[in-house]
Amino acid sequence: TVDAEEAERLELSLDAIAKVFSDPALAGWDGFGIAVQAYQKRAGAAIEWFAELAKHNSRRATIRLVKGAYWDTEIKRAQERGLAG
């Protein structure tokens, strides 16, 4: 299970995940998965993206929803930046 949890690095993480997941050397192995912060506003989009990636590669994968390892840090950063929501 690869960490796709940290908001500030999500896009970078998804790029790396796509590259590794799509590697032909892993064809036939269904043990690859990601962990997604369930509270993130982008969680649904990240899950849909990963499901499409699996479908595109004709592979099965796992998604583990987690409840907020980065919650405090991400809330504080959003507050410091004056971000809405």
PDB file of N, CA and C in Angstrom:
ATOM      1  N   THR A   1       0.844  -1.185   0.000  1.00  0.00           N
ATOM      2  CA  THR A   1       0.000   0.000   0.000  1.00  0.00           C
ATOM      3  C   THR A   1       0.880   1.236   0.000  1.00  0.00           C
ATOM      4  N   VAL A   2       0.668   2.082  -0.980  1.00  0.00           N
ATOM      5  CA  VAL A   2       1.447   3.304  -1.139  1.00  0.00           C
ATOM      6  C   VAL A   2       0.647   4.468  -0.567  1.00  0.00           C
ATOM      7  N   ASP A   3       1.316   5.351   0.122  1.00  0.00           N
ATOM      8  CA  ASP A   3       0.684   6.507   0.759  1.00  0.00           C
ATOM      9  C   ASP A   3       0.301   7.549  -0.287  1.00  0.00           C
ATOM     10  N   ALA A   4      -1.000   7.780  -0.421  1.00  0.00           N
ATOM     11  CA  ALA A   4      -1.507   8.858  -1.273  1.00  0.00           C
ATOM     12  C   ALA A   4      -2.294   9.810  -0.393  1.00  0.00           C
ATOM     13  N   GLU A   5      -1.771  10.052   0.807  1.00  0.00           N
ATOM     14  CA  GLU A   5      -2.528  10.772   1.824  1.00  0.00           C
ATOM     15  C   GLU A   5      -2.191  12.247   1.947  1.00  0.00           C
ATOM     16  N   GLU A   6      -0.950  12.606   1.824  1.00  0.00           N
ATOM     17  CA  GLU A   6      -0.542  13.965   2.158  1.00  0.00           C
ATOM     18  C   GLU A   6      -0.974  14.945   1.079  1.00  0.00           C
ATOM     19  N   ALA A   7      -1.805  15.915   1.454  1.00  0.00           N
ATOM     20  CA  ALA A   7      -2.426  16.824   0.497  1.00  0.00           C
ATOM     21  C   ALA A   7      -1.408  17.605  -0.333  1.00  0.00           C
ATOM     22  N   GLU A   8      -0.353  18.091   0.288  1.00  0.00           N
ATOM     23  CA  GLU A   8       0.618  18.926  -0.431  1.00  0.00           C
ATOM     24  C   GLU A   8       1.415  18.141  -1.479  1.00  0.00           C
ATOM     25  N   ARG A   9       1.436  16.846  -1.345  1.00  0.00           N
ATOM     26  CA  ARG A   9       2.209  16.020  -2.274  1.00  0.00           C
ATOM     27  C   ARG A   9       1.334  15.038  -3.039  1.00  0.00           C
ATOM     28  N   LEU A  10       0.029  15.223  -2.998  1.00  0.00           N
ATOM     29  CA  LEU A  10      -0.877  14.256  -3.613  1.00  0.00           C
ATOM     30  C   LEU A  10      -0.623  14.107  -5.105  1.00  0.00           C
ATOM     31  N   GLU A  11      -0.545  15.199  -5.835  1.00  0.00           N
ATOM     32  CA  GLU A  11      -0.358  15.111  -7.283  1.00  0.00           C
ATOM     33  C   GLU A  11       0.966  14.446  -7.636  1.00  0.00           C
ATOM     34  N   LEU A  12       2.015  14.789  -6.920  1.00  0.00           N
ATOM     35  CA  LEU A  12       3.316  14.153  -7.134  1.00  0.00           C
ATOM     36  C   LEU A  12       3.231  12.661  -6.816  1.00  0.00           C
ATOM     37  N   SER A  13       2.558  12.325  -5.712  1.00  0.00           N
ATOM     38  CA  SER A  13       2.394  10.919  -5.327  1.00  0.00           C
ATOM     39  C   SER A  13       1.628  10.147  -6.397  1.00  0.00           C
ATOM     40  N   LEU A  14       0.552  10.736  -6.920  1.00  0.00           N
ATOM     41  CA  LEU A  14      -0.250  10.045  -7.929  1.00  0.00           C
ATOM     42  C   LEU A  14       0.533   9.829  -9.212  1.00  0.00           C
ATOM     43  N   ASP A  15       1.381  10.776  -9.580  1.00  0.00           N
ATOM     44  CA  ASP A  15       2.241  10.589 -10.755  1.00  0.00           C
ATOM     45  C   ASP A  15       3.169   9.392 -10.565  1.00  0.00           C
ATOM     46  N   ALA A  16       3.788   9.305  -9.393  1.00  0.00           N
ATOM     47  CA  ALA A  16       4.704   8.190  -9.100  1.00  0.00           C
ATOM     48  C   ALA A  16       3.939   6.868  -9.035  1.00  0.00           C
ATOM     49  N   ILE A  17       2.769   6.895  -8.415  1.00  0.00           N
ATOM     50  CA  ILE A  17       1.947   5.691  -8.308  1.00  0.00           C
ATOM     51  C   ILE A  17       1.571   5.185  -9.703  1.00  0.00           C
ATOM     52  N   ALA A  18       1.150   6.084 -10.587  1.00  0.00           N
ATOM     53  CA  ALA A  18       0.764   5.689 -11.946  1.00  0.00           C
ATOM     54  C   ALA A  18       1.922   5.045 -12.680  1.00  0.00           C
ATOM     55  N   LYS A  19       3.092   5.612 -12.522  1.00  0.00           N
ATOM     56  CA  LYS A  19       4.271   5.078 -13.218  1.00  0.00           C
ATOM     57  C   LYS A  19       4.600   3.668 -12.738  1.00  0.00           C
ATOM     58  N   VAL A  20       4.619   3.486 -11.433  1.00  0.00           N
ATOM     59  CA  VAL A  20       4.941   2.174 -10.871  1.00  0.00           C
ATOM     60  C   VAL A  20       3.827   1.171 -11.166  1.00  0.00           C
ATOM     61  N   PHE A  21       2.586   1.570 -10.949  1.00  0.00           N
ATOM     62  CA  PHE A  21       1.455   0.669 -11.158  1.00  0.00           C
ATOM     63  C   PHE A  21       1.393   0.170 -12.598  1.00  0.00           C
ATOM     64  N   SER A  22       1.747   1.028 -13.538  1.00  0.00           N
ATOM     65  CA  SER A  22       1.658   0.698 -14.957  1.00  0.00           C
ATOM     66  C   SER A  22       2.884  -0.057 -15.477  1.00  0.00           C
ATOM     67  N   ASP A  23       3.880  -0.267 -14.645  1.00  0.00           N
ATOM     68  CA  ASP A  23       5.099  -0.977 -15.067  1.00  0.00           C
ATOM     69  C   ASP A  23       4.754  -2.411 -15.466  1.00  0.00           C
ATOM     70  N   PRO A  24       5.138  -2.813 -16.678  1.00  0.00           N
ATOM     71  CA  PRO A  24       4.831  -4.171 -17.140  1.00  0.00           C
ATOM     72  C   PRO A  24       5.400  -5.271 -16.236  1.00  0.00           C
ATOM     73  N   ALA A  25       6.434  -4.969 -15.494  1.00  0.00           N
ATOM     74  CA  ALA A  25       7.030  -5.967 -14.603  1.00  0.00           C
ATOM     75  C   ALA A  25       6.060  -6.395 -13.497  1.00  0.00           C
ATOM     76  N   LEU A  26       5.047  -5.571 -13.215  1.00  0.00           N
ATOM     77  CA  LEU A  26       4.080  -5.896 -12.169  1.00  0.00           C
ATOM     78  C   LEU A  26       2.805  -6.535 -12.726  1.00  0.00           C
ATOM     79  N   ALA A  27       2.750  -6.761 -14.026  1.00  0.00           N
ATOM     80  CA  ALA A  27       1.568  -7.370 -14.646  1.00  0.00           C
ATOM     81  C   ALA A  27       1.284  -8.717 -13.983  1.00  0.00           C
ATOM     82  N   GLY A  28       0.019  -8.934 -13.675  1.00  0.00           N
ATOM     83  CA  GLY A  28      -0.380 -10.190 -13.053  1.00  0.00           C
ATOM     84  C   GLY A  28      -0.328 -10.183 -11.536  1.00  0.00           C
ATOM     85  N   TRP A  29       0.233  -9.142 -10.939  1.00  0.00           N
ATOM     86  CA  TRP A  29       0.296  -9.050  -9.479  1.00  0.00           C
ATOM     87  C   TRP A  29      -0.798  -8.090  -9.020  1.00  0.00           C
ATOM     88  N   ASP A  30      -1.674  -8.569  -8.170  1.00  0.00           N
ATOM     89  CA  ASP A  30      -2.801  -7.764  -7.709  1.00  0.00           C
ATOM     90  C   ASP A  30      -2.625  -7.270  -6.284  1.00  0.00           C
ATOM     91  N   GLY A  31      -1.402  -7.144  -5.815  1.00  0.00           N
ATOM     92  CA  GLY A  31      -1.151  -6.723  -4.449  1.00  0.00           C
ATOM     93  C   GLY A  31      -0.896  -5.239  -4.273  1.00  0.00           C
ATOM     94  N   PHE A  32      -0.997  -4.458  -5.328  1.00  0.00           N
ATOM     95  CA  PHE A  32      -0.712  -3.025  -5.267  1.00  0.00           C
ATOM     96  C   PHE A  32      -1.930  -2.278  -4.734  1.00  0.00           C
ATOM     97  N   GLY A  33      -1.705  -1.306  -3.856  1.00  0.00           N
ATOM     98  CA  GLY A  33      -2.803  -0.512  -3.339  1.00  0.00           C
ATOM     99  C   GLY A  33      -2.345   0.852  -2.877  1.00  0.00           C
ATOM    100  N   ILE A  34      -3.312   1.723  -2.594  1.00  0.00           N
ATOM    101  CA  ILE A  34      -3.022   3.061  -2.087  1.00  0.00           C
ATOM    102  C   ILE A  34      -3.832   3.319  -0.814  1.00  0.00           C
ATOM    103  N   ALA A  35      -3.333   4.236   0.001  1.00  0.00           N
ATOM    104  CA  ALA A  35      -4.048   4.713   1.180  1.00  0.00           C
ATOM    105  C   ALA A  35      -4.458   6.155   0.919  1.00  0.00           C
ATOM    106  N   VAL A  36      -5.721   6.466   1.135  1.00  0.00           N
ATOM    107  CA  VAL A  36      -6.280   7.791   0.850  1.00  0.00           C
ATOM    108  C   VAL A  36      -6.939   8.341   2.113  1.00  0.00           C
ATOM    109  N   GLN A  37      -6.685   9.615   2.399  1.00  0.00           N
ATOM    110  CA  GLN A  37      -7.337  10.280   3.525  1.00  0.00           C
ATOM    111  C   GLN A  37      -8.833  10.389   3.223  1.00  0.00           C
ATOM    112  N   ALA A  38      -9.664   9.774   4.033  1.00  0.00           N
ATOM    113  CA  ALA A  38     -11.103   9.776   3.791  1.00  0.00           C
ATOM    114  C   ALA A  38     -11.706  11.175   3.903  1.00  0.00           C
ATOM    115  N   TYR A  39     -11.133  12.038   4.754  1.00  0.00           N
ATOM    116  CA  TYR A  39     -11.707  13.371   4.963  1.00  0.00           C
ATOM    117  C   TYR A  39     -11.354  14.365   3.858  1.00  0.00           C
ATOM    118  N   GLN A  40     -10.360  14.064   3.051  1.00  0.00           N
ATOM    119  CA  GLN A  40      -9.907  15.006   2.023  1.00  0.00           C
ATOM    120  C   GLN A  40     -11.007  15.294   1.001  1.00  0.00           C
ATOM    121  N   LYS A  41     -11.128  16.519   0.611  1.00  0.00           N
ATOM    122  CA  LYS A  41     -12.108  16.884  -0.404  1.00  0.00           C
ATOM    123  C   LYS A  41     -11.793  16.232  -1.742  1.00  0.00           C
ATOM    124  N   ARG A  42     -10.529  15.891  -1.954  1.00  0.00           N
ATOM    125  CA  ARG A  42     -10.119  15.251  -3.204  1.00  0.00           C
ATOM    126  C   ARG A  42     -10.134  13.731  -3.120  1.00  0.00           C
ATOM    127  N   ALA A  43     -10.593  13.174  -2.015  1.00  0.00           N
ATOM    128  CA  ALA A  43     -10.564  11.714  -1.833  1.00  0.00           C
ATOM    129  C   ALA A  43     -11.356  11.001  -2.926  1.00  0.00           C
ATOM    130  N   GLY A  44     -12.555  11.473  -3.191  1.00  0.00           N
ATOM    131  CA  GLY A  44     -13.375  10.841  -4.226  1.00  0.00           C
ATOM    132  C   GLY A  44     -12.703  10.848  -5.588  1.00  0.00           C
ATOM    133  N   ALA A  45     -12.124  11.984  -5.935  1.00  0.00           N
ATOM    134  CA  ALA A  45     -11.431  12.091  -7.228  1.00  0.00           C
ATOM    135  C   ALA A  45     -10.208  11.175  -7.275  1.00  0.00           C
ATOM    136  N   ALA A  46      -9.476  11.079  -6.168  1.00  0.00           N
ATOM    137  CA  ALA A  46      -8.292  10.206  -6.124  1.00  0.00           C
ATOM    138  C   ALA A  46      -8.701   8.740  -6.264  1.00  0.00           C
ATOM    139  N   ILE A  47      -9.795   8.369  -5.627  1.00  0.00           N
ATOM    140  CA  ILE A  47     -10.288   6.989  -5.722  1.00  0.00           C
ATOM    141  C   ILE A  47     -10.744   6.676  -7.142  1.00  0.00           C
ATOM    142  N   GLU A  48     -11.504   7.588  -7.744  1.00  0.00           N
ATOM    143  CA  GLU A  48     -11.941   7.392  -9.132  1.00  0.00           C
ATOM    144  C   GLU A  48     -10.751   7.302 -10.073  1.00  0.00           C
ATOM    145  N   TRP A  49      -9.739   8.159  -9.862  1.00  0.00           N
ATOM    146  CA  TRP A  49      -8.548   8.148 -10.694  1.00  0.00           C
ATOM    147  C   TRP A  49      -7.843   6.792 -10.607  1.00  0.00           C
ATOM    148  N   PHE A  50      -7.689   6.273  -9.376  1.00  0.00           N
ATOM    149  CA  PHE A  50      -6.994   5.002  -9.189  1.00  0.00           C
ATOM    150  C   PHE A  50      -7.795   3.841  -9.779  1.00  0.00           C
ATOM    151  N   ALA A  51      -9.118   3.893  -9.652  1.00  0.00           N
ATOM    152  CA  ALA A  51      -9.963   2.855 -10.245  1.00  0.00           C
ATOM    153  C   ALA A  51      -9.817   2.846 -11.768  1.00  0.00           C
ATOM    154  N   GLU A  52      -9.768   4.025 -12.372  1.00  0.00           N
ATOM    155  CA  GLU A  52      -9.563   4.126 -13.825  1.00  0.00           C
ATOM    156  C   GLU A  52      -8.180   3.616 -14.229  1.00  0.00           C
ATOM    157  N   LEU A  53      -7.181   3.920 -13.405  1.00  0.00           N
ATOM    158  CA  LEU A  53      -5.826   3.437 -13.687  1.00  0.00           C
ATOM    159  C   LEU A  53      -5.805   1.907 -13.680  1.00  0.00           C
ATOM    160  N   ALA A  54      -6.458   1.305 -12.691  1.00  0.00           N
ATOM    161  CA  ALA A  54      -6.520  -0.158 -12.610  1.00  0.00           C
ATOM    162  C   ALA A  54      -7.257  -0.729 -13.823  1.00  0.00           C
ATOM    163  N   LYS A  55      -8.376  -0.091 -14.172  1.00  0.00           N
ATOM    164  CA  LYS A  55      -9.149  -0.552 -15.331  1.00  0.00           C
ATOM    165  C   LYS A  55      -8.326  -0.443 -16.613  1.00  0.00           C
ATOM    166  N   HIS A  56      -7.651   0.675 -16.789  1.00  0.00           N
ATOM    167  CA  HIS A  56      -6.821   0.899 -17.971  1.00  0.00           C
ATOM    168  C   HIS A  56      -5.722  -0.158 -18.102  1.00  0.00           C
ATOM    169  N   ASN A  57      -5.184  -0.585 -16.960  1.00  0.00           N
ATOM    170  CA  ASN A  57      -4.104  -1.582 -16.953  1.00  0.00           C
ATOM    171  C   ASN A  57      -4.626  -3.010 -16.795  1.00  0.00           C
ATOM    172  N   SER A  58      -5.947  -3.174 -16.779  1.00  0.00           N
ATOM    173  CA  SER A  58      -6.583  -4.486 -16.602  1.00  0.00           C
ATOM    174  C   SER A  58      -6.038  -5.214 -15.381  1.00  0.00           C
ATOM    175  N   ARG A  59      -5.994  -4.486 -14.257  1.00  0.00           N
ATOM    176  CA  ARG A  59      -5.468  -5.058 -13.010  1.00  0.00           C
ATOM    177  C   ARG A  59      -6.401  -4.753 -11.866  1.00  0.00           C
ATOM    178  N   ARG A  60      -6.294  -5.576 -10.829  1.00  0.00           N
ATOM    179  CA  ARG A  60      -7.009  -5.320  -9.583  1.00  0.00           C
ATOM    180  C   ARG A  60      -6.076  -4.586  -8.643  1.00  0.00           C
ATOM    181  N   ALA A  61      -6.662  -3.815  -7.743  1.00  0.00           N
ATOM    182  CA  ALA A  61      -5.864  -3.050  -6.782  1.00  0.00           C
ATOM    183  C   ALA A  61      -6.715  -2.808  -5.540  1.00  0.00           C
ATOM    184  N   THR A  62      -6.062  -2.369  -4.476  1.00  0.00           N
ATOM    185  CA  THR A  62      -6.778  -2.071  -3.247  1.00  0.00           C
ATOM    186  C   THR A  62      -6.693  -0.589  -2.916  1.00  0.00           C
ATOM    187  N   ILE A  63      -7.713  -0.112  -2.231  1.00  0.00           N
ATOM    188  CA  ILE A  63      -7.739   1.264  -1.735  1.00  0.00           C
ATOM    189  C   ILE A  63      -8.085   1.185  -0.253  1.00  0.00           C
ATOM    190  N   ARG A  64      -7.240   1.769   0.567  1.00  0.00           N
ATOM    191  CA  ARG A  64      -7.479   1.786   2.015  1.00  0.00           C
ATOM    192  C   ARG A  64      -7.795   3.220   2.415  1.00  0.00           C
ATOM    193  N   LEU A  65      -8.966   3.417   2.996  1.00  0.00           N
ATOM    194  CA  LEU A  65      -9.330   4.739   3.492  1.00  0.00           C
ATOM    195  C   LEU A  65      -8.809   4.875   4.917  1.00  0.00           C
ATOM    196  N   VAL A  66      -8.145   5.986   5.189  1.00  0.00           N
ATOM    197  CA  VAL A  66      -7.600   6.243   6.516  1.00  0.00           C
ATOM    198  C   VAL A  66      -8.207   7.529   7.057  1.00  0.00           C
ATOM    199  N   LYS A  67      -8.085   7.723   8.355  1.00  0.00           N
ATOM    200  CA  LYS A  67      -8.858   8.804   8.964  1.00  0.00           C
ATOM    201  C   LYS A  67      -8.071  10.013   9.439  1.00  0.00           C
ATOM    202  N   GLY A  68      -6.937  10.289   8.899  1.00  0.00           N
ATOM    203  CA  GLY A  68      -6.373  11.589   9.171  1.00  0.00           C
ATOM    204  C   GLY A  68      -5.017  11.690   9.816  1.00  0.00           C
ATOM    205  N   ALA A  69      -4.037  10.995   9.302  1.00  0.00           N
ATOM    206  CA  ALA A  69      -2.687  11.086   9.852  1.00  0.00           C
ATOM    207  C   ALA A  69      -2.104  12.488   9.712  1.00  0.00           C
ATOM    208  N   TYR A  70      -2.530  13.228   8.705  1.00  0.00           N
ATOM    209  CA  TYR A  70      -1.983  14.556   8.435  1.00  0.00           C
ATOM    210  C   TYR A  70      -2.981  15.663   8.766  1.00  0.00           C
ATOM    211  N   TRP A  71      -4.116  15.315   9.341  1.00  0.00           N
ATOM    212  CA  TRP A  71      -5.213  16.247   9.565  1.00  0.00           C
ATOM    213  C   TRP A  71      -4.774  17.533  10.240  1.00  0.00           C
ATOM    214  N   ASP A  72      -4.125  17.451  11.395  1.00  0.00           N
ATOM    215  CA  ASP A  72      -3.747  18.650  12.148  1.00  0.00           C
ATOM    216  C   ASP A  72      -2.830  19.562  11.343  1.00  0.00           C
ATOM    217  N   THR A  73      -1.834  18.984  10.711  1.00  0.00           N
ATOM    218  CA  THR A  73      -0.880  19.773   9.917  1.00  0.00           C
ATOM    219  C   THR A  73      -1.583  20.458   8.752  1.00  0.00           C
ATOM    220  N   GLU A  74      -2.427  19.734   8.039  1.00  0.00           N
ATOM    221  CA  GLU A  74      -3.090  20.302   6.872  1.00  0.00           C
ATOM    222  C   GLU A  74      -4.091  21.391   7.253  1.00  0.00           C
ATOM    223  N   ILE A  75      -4.791  21.221   8.361  1.00  0.00           N
ATOM    224  CA  ILE A  75      -5.720  22.259   8.826  1.00  0.00           C
ATOM    225  C   ILE A  75      -4.947  23.520   9.197  1.00  0.00           C
ATOM    226  N   LYS A  76      -3.848  23.360   9.928  1.00  0.00           N
ATOM    227  CA  LYS A  76      -3.035  24.508  10.340  1.00  0.00           C
ATOM    228  C   LYS A  76      -2.484  25.252   9.125  1.00  0.00           C
ATOM    229  N   ARG A  77      -1.970  24.524   8.143  1.00  0.00           N
ATOM    230  CA  ARG A  77      -1.434  25.169   6.930  1.00  0.00           C
ATOM    231  C   ARG A  77      -2.526  25.931   6.186  1.00  0.00           C
ATOM    232  N   ALA A  78      -3.716  25.353   6.104  1.00  0.00           N
ATOM    233  CA  ALA A  78      -4.829  26.028   5.432  1.00  0.00           C
ATOM    234  C   ALA A  78      -5.210  27.309   6.173  1.00  0.00           C
ATOM    235  N   GLN A  79      -5.221  27.231   7.504  1.00  0.00           N
ATOM    236  CA  GLN A  79      -5.542  28.411   8.301  1.00  0.00           C
ATOM    237  C   GLN A  79      -4.489  29.503   8.108  1.00  0.00           C
ATOM    238  N   GLU A  80      -3.224  29.121   8.130  1.00  0.00           N
ATOM    239  CA  GLU A  80      -2.133  30.096   7.959  1.00  0.00           C
ATOM    240  C   GLU A  80      -2.208  30.796   6.611  1.00  0.00           C
ATOM    241  N   ARG A  81      -2.676  30.080   5.598  1.00  0.00           N
ATOM    242  CA  ARG A  81      -2.757  30.640   4.256  1.00  0.00           C
ATOM    243  C   ARG A  81      -4.078  31.360   4.008  1.00  0.00           C
ATOM    244  N   GLY A  82      -4.981  31.301   4.978  1.00  0.00           N
ATOM    245  CA  GLY A  82      -6.272  31.963   4.829  1.00  0.00           C
ATOM    246  C   GLY A  82      -7.172  31.313   3.796  1.00  0.00           C
ATOM    247  N   LEU A  83      -7.013  30.002   3.578  1.00  0.00           N
ATOM    248  CA  LEU A  83      -7.798  29.308   2.560  1.00  0.00           C
ATOM    249  C   LEU A  83      -9.225  29.069   3.061  1.00  0.00           C
ATOM    250  N   ALA A  84     -10.153  29.188   2.165  1.00  0.00           N
ATOM    251  CA  ALA A  84     -11.554  28.921   2.507  1.00  0.00           C
ATOM    252  C   ALA A  84     -11.792  27.416   2.540  1.00  0.00           C
ATOM    253  N   GLY A  85     -12.636  26.973   3.451  1.00  0.00           N
ATOM    254  CA  GLY A  85     -13.020  25.554   3.493  1.00  0.00           C
ATOM    255  C   GLY A  85     -11.948  24.687   4.069  1.00  0.00           C
TER     256      GLY A  85
END
